[in-house]
Protein backbone atom coordinates (compact mmCIF):
# COMPACT_ATOMS: atom_id res chain seq x y z
CA UNK A 1 9.64 -18.72 139.67
CA UNK A 2 9.81 -22.20 141.13
CA UNK A 3 11.27 -23.71 137.92
CA UNK A 4 14.17 -21.20 137.98
CA UNK A 5 15.01 -21.66 141.52
CA UNK A 6 15.44 -25.42 140.74
CA UNK A 7 17.41 -24.78 137.81
CA UNK A 8 19.46 -22.32 139.85
CA UNK A 9 20.04 -24.63 142.86
CA UNK A 10 20.58 -28.02 140.79
CA UNK A 11 20.80 -27.51 136.93
CA UNK A 12 21.81 -31.10 136.24
CA UNK A 13 18.77 -32.63 138.13
CA UNK A 14 16.48 -29.84 136.37
CA UNK A 15 18.05 -31.01 132.98
CA UNK A 16 17.40 -34.86 133.90
CA UNK A 17 13.79 -34.04 134.60
CA UNK A 18 13.23 -32.06 131.65
CA UNK A 19 14.63 -35.08 129.65
CA UNK A 20 12.61 -37.67 131.53
CA UNK A 21 15.87 -39.44 133.15
CA UNK A 22 17.24 -39.40 136.46
CA UNK A 23 20.41 -37.55 136.97
CA UNK A 24 22.50 -40.71 137.21
CA UNK A 25 21.78 -41.62 133.59
CA UNK A 26 23.12 -38.36 132.33
CA UNK A 27 26.54 -39.61 133.47
CA UNK A 28 26.51 -43.60 132.78
CA UNK A 29 28.37 -45.52 130.46
CA UNK A 30 25.68 -45.27 127.81
CA UNK A 31 25.45 -41.56 127.85
CA UNK A 32 27.57 -39.09 125.51
CA UNK A 33 28.33 -36.94 128.63
CA UNK A 34 29.16 -39.99 130.73
CA UNK A 35 31.48 -41.36 128.08
CA UNK A 36 33.32 -37.83 127.60
CA UNK A 37 33.53 -37.29 131.37
CA UNK A 38 35.03 -40.70 132.10
CA UNK A 39 37.84 -40.05 129.47
CA UNK A 40 38.92 -36.74 131.30
CA UNK A 41 41.69 -36.28 133.48
CA UNK A 42 40.93 -35.05 137.18
CA UNK A 43 44.41 -33.44 137.19
CA UNK A 44 46.05 -31.81 134.37
CA UNK A 45 49.32 -30.01 134.19
CA UNK A 46 49.28 -27.62 131.51
CA UNK A 47 52.31 -25.09 131.01
CA UNK A 48 53.36 -25.70 134.66
CA UNK A 49 49.93 -24.87 136.27
CA UNK A 50 48.23 -28.02 138.08
CA UNK A 51 44.52 -27.98 137.49
CA UNK A 52 42.34 -30.12 139.60
CA UNK A 53 38.66 -31.00 139.27
CA UNK A 54 38.04 -30.34 142.99
CA UNK A 55 41.08 -29.97 144.99
CA UNK A 56 44.08 -31.65 146.65
CA UNK A 57 43.57 -32.99 149.79
CA UNK A 58 46.82 -33.03 152.00
CA UNK A 59 46.74 -36.81 152.23
CA UNK A 60 46.83 -36.95 148.45
CA UNK A 61 49.52 -34.31 148.41
CA UNK A 62 51.63 -36.59 150.56
CA UNK A 63 50.97 -39.77 148.94
CA UNK A 64 53.73 -39.51 146.29
CA UNK A 65 51.42 -40.71 143.53
CA UNK A 66 52.12 -39.49 139.94
CA UNK A 67 49.83 -37.55 137.75
CA UNK A 68 49.23 -40.47 135.75
CA UNK A 69 48.80 -42.79 138.44
CA UNK A 70 46.17 -40.57 139.95
CA UNK A 71 44.09 -39.98 136.86
CA UNK A 72 44.23 -43.90 135.92
CA UNK A 73 42.75 -44.81 139.36
CA UNK A 74 40.14 -41.96 139.09
CA UNK A 75 39.08 -42.98 135.44
CA UNK A 76 39.01 -46.69 136.05
CA UNK A 77 36.74 -45.98 139.07
CA UNK A 78 34.31 -43.52 137.25
CA UNK A 79 31.12 -45.73 136.93
CA UNK A 80 31.84 -47.36 140.35
CA UNK A 81 29.83 -46.02 143.27
CA UNK A 82 31.91 -44.93 146.28
CA UNK A 83 31.34 -46.78 149.56
CA UNK A 84 33.69 -45.98 152.34
CA UNK A 85 35.50 -48.87 153.56
CA UNK A 86 37.51 -49.58 156.67
CA UNK A 87 40.96 -50.29 154.74
CA UNK A 88 42.93 -47.56 153.45
CA UNK A 89 43.74 -47.75 149.87
CA UNK A 90 44.63 -45.68 147.07
CA UNK A 91 41.31 -46.18 145.50
CA UNK A 92 39.58 -44.90 149.05
CA UNK A 93 41.88 -41.97 149.21
CA UNK A 94 41.32 -40.70 145.41
CA UNK A 95 37.79 -41.54 145.51
CA UNK A 96 36.37 -40.34 148.69
CA UNK A 97 33.87 -37.69 149.15
CA UNK A 98 35.97 -36.22 151.48
CA UNK A 99 39.73 -36.67 150.19
CA UNK A 100 39.05 -37.17 146.64
CA UNK A 101 40.44 -34.90 143.99
CA UNK A 102 36.95 -34.88 142.30
CA UNK A 103 35.47 -33.90 145.72
CA UNK A 104 37.67 -32.26 147.86
CA UNK A 105 36.84 -28.84 149.02
CA UNK A 106 38.66 -28.25 152.14
CA UNK A 107 40.21 -25.10 151.14
CA UNK A 108 36.94 -23.67 152.12
CA UNK A 109 35.71 -25.93 154.70
CA UNK A 110 38.54 -27.24 156.87
CA UNK A 111 40.24 -25.14 159.55
CA UNK A 112 43.34 -24.47 157.39
CA UNK A 113 45.44 -21.87 157.56
CA UNK A 114 46.99 -19.94 154.50
CA UNK A 115 50.28 -21.88 155.36
CA UNK A 116 48.49 -24.92 155.45
CA UNK A 117 46.98 -24.44 152.04
CA UNK A 118 50.35 -23.32 150.49
CA UNK A 119 52.21 -26.21 151.95
CA UNK A 120 49.58 -28.56 150.52
CA UNK A 121 49.79 -27.14 147.17
CA UNK A 122 53.47 -27.09 147.03
CA UNK A 123 53.89 -30.48 148.17
CA UNK A 124 51.41 -31.59 145.47
CA UNK A 125 53.34 -29.93 142.80
CA UNK A 126 56.63 -31.35 144.09
CA UNK A 127 55.38 -34.65 144.19
CA UNK A 128 53.45 -34.63 140.92
CA UNK A 129 56.26 -33.17 138.84
CA UNK A 130 59.31 -34.90 140.30
């Protein structure tokens, strides 16, 4: 039962234990999974629908960055560990564990109204498509 709980709570870490490696080695530049993941877009527009790995923070929606610009920054920083810095840069905004495309979960955690969520999504779509 203990093994199932470990698997259920953190399947990636459990897989690393089975393979005898730490979790970060599953995603590094020498691994198949790391090479594959670093080549993928964090934002993808398919048939007029915008898909995000995590979510779109309101600051990202307001940034006026294109889809290509966002994906390029995220892909070029994939192997760089994120450390918060005082200066506000595009990299900080997009790679942050609080505001970044791959990490943002504010739709569920922040104190947002339905209107706030819709406004952010509409702004994102307009900024990314125009």
